[in-house]
Every structure is written in structure tokens, then in C-alpha cells.
Amino acid sequence: MPWKPSSSFGTRSGAVVPGRRADARVRLHIPARLVLLTGTQQCFLEDLSVTGAALIPQDKLPAEGASAILQCEHVEAFGMVRWARHGRVGLMFDEKLPLAQVVSLRHIADGYEANERERNMERARAWVQGRSKIL
């Protein structure tokens, strides 16, 4: 009987399928800063893994291959821009982040969404009550 590889062949024992991420990412969408040689810009940290991140910069996209530092809360990660397109940037870290830092940012993101929603409600309430002219 001829041997047939299973559908999961080559995906066990740490093997990485070409074109696929090696590490799982967590969705965040929290404010961060991207420090480049050309300057610092505000961005949103869209997702994060121990090996890299996807960002949405507020300004123009940095060039692929540019050195960068991601700063978000207590995390500071050095890396290189791997791709920049469609308003997003992919950053690959020089060294893996500790998994505990990735998890802690996920907890911050959960709290950030709730806090931001409450802040927006308070702004709207103040505007409706005439206490504020700016939303």
C-alpha cells in the first residue's frame, strides 16, 4: 500500500508552511508610536505577535527595509519594516518579545476599548447637556 502524506504533513514539530506566520497574533487596535530615522509618528497597533506587528500609521507609510522602534505602553520593540501597503505597515522584530508582554497588551486593549467607549459617551452627554462645544 503506497504511503500518502496527510493534509497536516510538514506542519508539525515547529515546521512553518511558506507564506504563513509562525506565531499567532492578537488583535489590539490601541494607540502606539513608531520611531523611525525620519521621525516619530503616532499609529494604531492593529495586531501583535512575539515576532512582529501590523500597524496603521497616522502619517505616510515608511519605506520597506527601514529600521523602526515600536513603542506601546510598557513595550519597546526594535525591528524592520517588512511591508508597507494599503495604509498598513508590517514590522518584524529583531528579537522575540516575551509572550507575557503580548498577553499584557491584550488585557490593556480590552480595557482601552471599554474606557474609550465610556469617554465617548461622556463627551456626547456633555455636548447634549450644553457643557461642551467639542466632541
Protein backbone atom coordinates (compact mmCIF):
# COMPACT_ATOMS: atom_id res chain seq x y z
CA MET A 1 0.00 0.00 0.00
CA PRO A 2 1.58 3.32 -1.04
CA TRP A 3 2.19 5.90 1.62
CA LYS A 4 0.13 9.13 1.35
CA PRO A 5 1.01 12.27 3.26
CA SER A 6 -1.74 13.62 5.46
CA SER A 7 -3.16 17.13 4.99
CA SER A 8 -1.14 18.26 8.00
CA PHE A 9 2.13 16.88 6.62
CA GLY A 10 5.00 19.28 7.23
CA THR A 11 3.15 21.35 9.79
CA ARG A 12 4.19 19.51 12.92
CA SER A 13 7.26 19.86 15.10
CA GLY A 14 7.62 23.58 14.50
CA ALA A 15 7.73 23.44 10.70
CA VAL A 16 6.34 26.59 9.09
CA VAL A 17 4.35 26.50 5.90
CA PRO A 18 5.81 29.05 3.44
CA GLY A 19 3.79 32.27 3.34
CA ARG A 20 2.22 31.63 6.76
CA ARG A 21 3.02 33.23 10.12
CA ALA A 22 4.96 31.15 12.58
CA ASP A 23 3.31 32.72 15.64
CA ALA A 24 -0.30 33.55 16.47
CA ARG A 25 -1.25 37.21 16.61
CA VAL A 26 -3.57 39.04 18.98
CA ARG A 27 -5.86 41.79 17.70
CA LEU A 28 -5.37 45.02 19.63
CA HIS A 29 -6.15 48.33 17.86
CA ILE A 30 -4.57 50.53 20.54
CA PRO A 31 -2.51 53.74 20.21
CA ALA A 32 1.24 53.34 19.78
CA ARG A 33 4.26 55.20 18.37
CA LEU A 34 6.53 54.21 15.52
CA VAL A 35 10.01 55.70 15.81
CA LEU A 36 11.92 55.90 12.53
CA LEU A 37 15.12 57.63 11.44
CA THR A 38 12.89 60.14 9.63
CA GLY A 39 10.88 60.95 12.76
CA THR A 40 8.25 59.64 15.14
CA GLN A 41 4.65 59.12 14.17
CA GLN A 42 1.53 58.13 16.01
CA CYS A 43 -0.14 54.92 14.90
CA PHE A 44 -2.53 52.22 15.95
CA LEU A 45 -1.11 48.83 16.86
CA GLU A 46 -3.53 46.61 14.98
CA ASP A 47 -2.14 43.21 15.88
CA LEU A 48 0.90 41.77 17.59
CA SER A 49 2.81 38.52 17.96
CA VAL A 50 6.11 37.70 19.61
CA THR A 51 7.87 38.16 16.23
CA GLY A 52 6.12 41.14 14.67
CA ALA A 53 3.26 43.60 14.42
CA ALA A 54 0.85 45.23 12.00
CA LEU A 55 0.41 48.99 12.40
CA ILE A 56 -1.81 51.70 10.96
CA PRO A 57 0.31 54.88 10.87
CA GLN A 58 -1.30 58.32 11.08
CA ASP A 59 1.13 59.79 8.52
CA LYS A 60 2.75 58.43 5.39
CA LEU A 61 3.95 54.86 5.21
CA PRO A 62 7.64 54.23 5.95
CA ALA A 63 9.84 52.58 3.35
CA GLU A 64 10.24 48.82 3.35
CA GLY A 65 13.51 47.85 4.99
CA ALA A 66 13.53 50.88 7.30
CA SER A 67 14.67 50.34 10.87
CA ALA A 68 11.97 51.13 13.42
CA ILE A 69 11.09 51.03 17.09
CA LEU A 70 7.56 50.21 18.20
CA GLN A 71 6.56 51.85 21.48
CA CYS A 72 3.29 50.92 23.13
CA GLU A 73 2.59 51.08 26.86
CA HIS A 74 5.47 49.17 28.53
CA VAL A 75 6.63 47.50 25.28
CA GLU A 76 9.53 48.77 23.19
CA ALA A 77 10.49 46.56 20.27
CA PHE A 78 13.20 47.13 17.68
CA GLY A 79 12.62 45.85 14.19
CA MET A 80 12.44 46.38 10.45
CA VAL A 81 9.58 47.35 8.17
CA ARG A 82 8.86 44.20 6.14
CA TRP A 83 5.97 45.60 4.12
CA ALA A 84 4.03 48.84 3.77
CA ARG A 85 0.83 48.95 1.70
CA HIS A 86 -2.86 49.85 1.81
CA GLY A 87 -2.34 52.18 4.77
CA ARG A 88 -0.75 49.47 6.91
CA VAL A 89 2.80 48.53 7.92
CA GLY A 90 4.22 45.14 8.85
CA LEU A 91 7.07 45.22 11.34
CA MET A 92 9.35 42.24 12.04
CA PHE A 93 11.12 42.39 15.41
CA ASP A 94 14.87 41.87 15.79
CA GLU A 95 14.25 39.70 18.87
CA LYS A 96 11.15 37.88 20.02
CA LEU A 97 9.00 39.65 22.59
CA PRO A 98 8.24 37.77 25.77
CA LEU A 99 4.80 36.17 25.46
CA ALA A 100 3.82 37.79 28.77
CA GLN A 101 4.20 41.26 27.17
CA VAL A 102 1.97 40.27 24.26
CA VAL A 103 -0.67 38.94 26.64
CA SER A 104 -0.49 42.03 28.86
CA LEU A 105 -1.09 44.29 25.83
CA ARG A 106 -4.16 42.20 25.01
CA HIS A 107 -5.51 42.96 28.51
CA ILE A 108 -4.73 46.66 28.01
CA ALA A 109 -6.56 46.59 24.67
CA ASP A 110 -9.65 45.08 26.31
CA GLY A 111 -9.67 47.86 28.90
CA TYR A 112 -8.90 50.53 26.29
CA GLU A 113 -11.99 49.69 24.23
CA ALA A 114 -14.27 49.90 27.27
CA ASN A 115 -12.64 53.12 28.53
CA GLU A 116 -12.75 54.75 25.09
CA ARG A 117 -16.44 53.85 24.70
CA GLU A 118 -17.17 55.39 28.12
CA ARG A 119 -15.16 58.54 27.27
CA ASN A 120 -17.10 58.95 24.02
CA MET A 121 -20.41 58.54 25.86
CA GLU A 122 -19.36 61.18 28.41
CA ARG A 123 -18.32 63.58 25.63
CA ALA A 124 -21.66 63.08 23.89
CA ARG A 125 -23.56 63.51 27.17
CA ALA A 126 -21.69 66.75 27.93
CA TRP A 127 -22.37 68.07 24.43
CA VAL A 128 -26.10 67.26 24.64
CA GLN A 129 -26.30 68.95 28.06
CA GLY A 130 -24.52 72.04 26.72
CA ARG A 131 -21.45 71.56 28.92
CA SER A 132 -19.11 71.15 25.96
CA LYS A 133 -18.92 72.51 22.43
CA ILE A 134 -16.34 69.94 21.29
CA LEU A 135 -16.98 66.25 20.87
